[in-house]
C-alpha atoms as a PDB file:
ATOM      1  CA  MET A   1     171.199 -14.681  52.920  1.00  0.00           C
ATOM      2  CA  ILE A   2     170.469 -11.095  52.151  1.00  0.00           C
ATOM      3  CA  LEU A   3     166.715 -12.617  51.275  1.00  0.00           C
ATOM      4  CA  ARG A   4     166.538 -13.933  54.990  1.00  0.00           C
ATOM      5  CA  LEU A   5     168.244 -11.012  56.583  1.00  0.00           C
ATOM      6  CA  THR A   6     165.651  -8.632  55.055  1.00  0.00           C
ATOM      7  CA  GLU A   7     162.386 -11.015  55.169  1.00  0.00           C
ATOM      8  CA  GLY A   8     163.154 -12.938  58.101  1.00  0.00           C
ATOM      9  CA  ASP A   9     161.906 -16.526  58.309  1.00  0.00           C
ATOM     10  CA  LEU A  10     160.675 -18.140  54.923  1.00  0.00           C
ATOM     11  CA  ALA A  11     158.172 -20.480  56.683  1.00  0.00           C
ATOM     12  CA  PRO A  12     154.978 -20.456  54.679  1.00  0.00           C
ATOM     13  CA  VAL A  13     153.047 -20.909  57.636  1.00  0.00           C
ATOM     14  CA  ALA A  14     153.570 -19.165  61.112  1.00  0.00           C
ATOM     15  CA  CYS A  15     153.781 -23.126  63.043  1.00  0.00           C
ATOM     16  CA  LEU A  16     156.813 -23.631  61.138  1.00  0.00           C
ATOM     17  CA  ASP A  17     158.755 -20.090  61.799  1.00  0.00           C
ATOM     18  CA  GLY A  18     161.939 -21.008  63.176  1.00  0.00           C
ATOM     19  CA  GLY A  19     162.133 -24.527  61.864  1.00  0.00           C
ATOM     20  CA  ILE A  20     160.669 -25.916  64.939  1.00  0.00           C
ATOM     21  CA  ASN A  21     157.272 -26.986  65.242  1.00  0.00           C
ATOM     22  CA  THR A  22     155.530 -26.164  68.495  1.00  0.00           C
ATOM     23  CA  CYS A  23     151.929 -25.919  67.111  1.00  0.00           C
ATOM     24  CA  SER A  24     149.439 -28.310  69.636  1.00  0.00           C
ATOM     25  CA  ARG A  25     147.692 -29.473  66.653  1.00  0.00           C
ATOM     26  CA  ARG A  26     150.866 -30.374  64.429  1.00  0.00           C
ATOM     27  CA  ASP A  27     149.836 -34.488  65.217  1.00  0.00           C
ATOM     28  CA  GLU A  28     146.108 -33.980  63.573  1.00  0.00           C
ATOM     29  CA  CYS A  29     147.306 -31.814  60.851  1.00  0.00           C
ATOM     30  CA  SER A  30     146.081 -33.091  57.678  1.00  0.00           C
ATOM     31  CA  THR A  31     148.040 -30.662  55.740  1.00  0.00           C
ATOM     32  CA  LEU A  32     151.508 -30.269  57.462  1.00  0.00           C
ATOM     33  CA  PHE A  33     153.348 -32.326  55.485  1.00  0.00           C
ATOM     34  CA  VAL A  34     152.742 -29.912  52.345  1.00  0.00           C
ATOM     35  CA  TRP A  35     153.899 -26.807  54.107  1.00  0.00           C
ATOM     36  CA  GLU A  36     157.117 -28.841  55.602  1.00  0.00           C
ATOM     37  CA  LYS A  37     157.724 -30.001  51.431  1.00  0.00           C
ATOM     38  CA  ILE A  38     157.317 -26.325  50.721  1.00  0.00           C
ATOM     39  CA  TYR A  39     159.567 -24.509  53.060  1.00  0.00           C
ATOM     40  CA  LYS A  40     161.794 -27.454  52.303  1.00  0.00           C
ATOM     41  CA  ALA A  41     161.846 -26.666  48.728  1.00  0.00           C
ATOM     42  CA  VAL A  42     162.009 -22.519  49.330  1.00  0.00           C
ATOM     43  CA  ASN A  43     165.077 -23.197  51.691  1.00  0.00           C
ATOM     44  CA  GLU A  44     166.808 -25.458  48.881  1.00  0.00           C
ATOM     45  CA  VAL A  45     166.298 -22.794  46.099  1.00  0.00           C
ATOM     46  CA  VAL A  46     167.353 -19.783  48.479  1.00  0.00           C
ATOM     47  CA  ASP A  47     170.331 -21.731  49.826  1.00  0.00           C
ATOM     48  CA  ASN A  48     171.371 -22.273  46.245  1.00  0.00           C
ATOM     49  CA  ILE A  49     171.445 -18.887  44.746  1.00  0.00           C
ATOM     50  CA  THR A  50     174.172 -16.239  45.156  1.00  0.00           C
ATOM     51  CA  LEU A  51     174.434 -12.893  44.003  1.00  0.00           C
ATOM     52  CA  LEU A  52     176.468 -13.934  41.067  1.00  0.00           C
ATOM     53  CA  ASP A  53     173.881 -16.433  40.086  1.00  0.00           C
ATOM     54  CA  ILE A  54     171.473 -13.426  39.917  1.00  0.00           C
ATOM     55  CA  VAL A  55     174.239 -11.333  38.051  1.00  0.00           C
ATOM     56  CA  ARG A  56     175.066 -13.618  35.639  1.00  0.00           C
ATOM     57  CA  ASN A  57     171.394 -14.164  34.546  1.00  0.00           C
ATOM     58  CA  ALA A  58     170.494 -10.810  34.113  1.00  0.00           C
ATOM     59  CA  SER A  59     169.981  -8.832  31.249  1.00  0.00           C
ATOM     60  CA  ASP A  60     172.582  -6.246  29.966  1.00  0.00           C
ATOM     61  CA  ASN A  61     170.109  -3.253  30.925  1.00  0.00           C
ATOM     62  CA  TYR A  62     169.141  -4.545  34.282  1.00  0.00           C
ATOM     63  CA  VAL A  63     170.695  -2.872  37.031  1.00  0.00           C
ATOM     64  CA  ILE A  64     170.740  -4.520  40.796  1.00  0.00           C
END
Protein backbone atom coordinates (compact mmCIF):
# COMPACT_ATOMS: atom_id res chain seq x y z
CA MET A 1 0.00 0.00 0.00
CA ILE A 2 2.82 2.41 0.87
CA LEU A 3 4.67 1.64 -2.35
CA ARG A 4 1.56 2.28 -4.42
CA LEU A 5 0.88 5.53 -2.56
CA THR A 6 4.38 6.81 -3.18
CA GLU A 7 4.98 5.40 -6.67
CA GLY A 8 1.50 5.16 -8.17
CA ASP A 9 0.52 2.30 -10.43
CA LEU A 10 3.24 -0.34 -10.74
CA ALA A 11 2.46 -1.20 -14.36
CA PRO A 12 5.62 -1.80 -16.42
CA VAL A 13 4.11 -0.09 -19.50
CA ALA A 14 1.68 2.80 -19.86
CA CYS A 15 -0.97 0.72 -21.62
CA LEU A 16 -1.52 -1.27 -18.41
CA ASP A 17 -1.75 1.75 -16.07
CA GLY A 18 -4.86 1.42 -13.99
CA GLY A 19 -5.27 -2.24 -14.89
CA ILE A 20 -7.36 -1.58 -18.00
CA ASN A 21 -5.66 -1.70 -21.39
CA THR A 22 -7.28 0.85 -23.70
CA CYS A 23 -4.49 0.82 -26.29
CA SER A 24 -5.82 0.67 -29.82
CA ARG A 25 -3.01 -1.76 -30.76
CA ARG A 26 -3.57 -4.26 -27.92
CA ASP A 27 -4.97 -6.93 -30.25
CA GLU A 28 -1.87 -6.87 -32.44
CA CYS A 29 0.79 -6.31 -29.76
CA SER A 30 3.16 -9.26 -29.75
CA THR A 31 4.71 -8.36 -26.38
CA LEU A 32 1.58 -7.54 -24.38
CA PHE A 33 1.44 -10.99 -22.77
CA VAL A 34 4.97 -10.45 -21.42
CA TRP A 35 4.07 -7.10 -19.86
CA GLU A 36 0.88 -8.55 -18.37
CA LYS A 37 2.84 -11.40 -16.76
CA ILE A 38 5.41 -8.96 -15.35
CA TYR A 39 2.63 -6.72 -14.01
CA LYS A 40 0.91 -9.70 -12.39
CA ALA A 41 4.17 -10.90 -10.82
CA VAL A 42 5.04 -7.46 -9.43
CA ASN A 43 1.57 -7.10 -7.93
CA GLU A 44 1.77 -10.58 -6.41
CA VAL A 45 5.04 -9.71 -4.67
CA VAL A 46 3.96 -6.26 -3.52
CA ASP A 47 0.58 -7.49 -2.28
CA ASN A 48 2.18 -10.18 -0.13
CA ILE A 49 4.95 -8.28 1.66
CA THR A 50 4.23 -6.23 4.77
CA LEU A 51 6.28 -3.76 6.77
CA LEU A 52 6.56 -6.46 9.41
CA ASP A 53 8.14 -8.77 6.82
CA ILE A 54 10.71 -6.08 6.03
CA VAL A 55 11.46 -5.45 9.70
CA ARG A 56 11.85 -9.16 10.40
CA ASN A 57 14.24 -9.49 7.45
CA ALA A 58 16.32 -6.43 8.34
CA SER A 59 19.69 -6.71 10.02
CA ASP A 60 20.18 -5.19 13.47
CA ASN A 61 21.97 -2.13 12.10
CA TYR A 62 19.33 -1.23 9.50
CA VAL A 63 16.89 1.56 10.25
CA ILE A 64 13.58 2.04 8.45
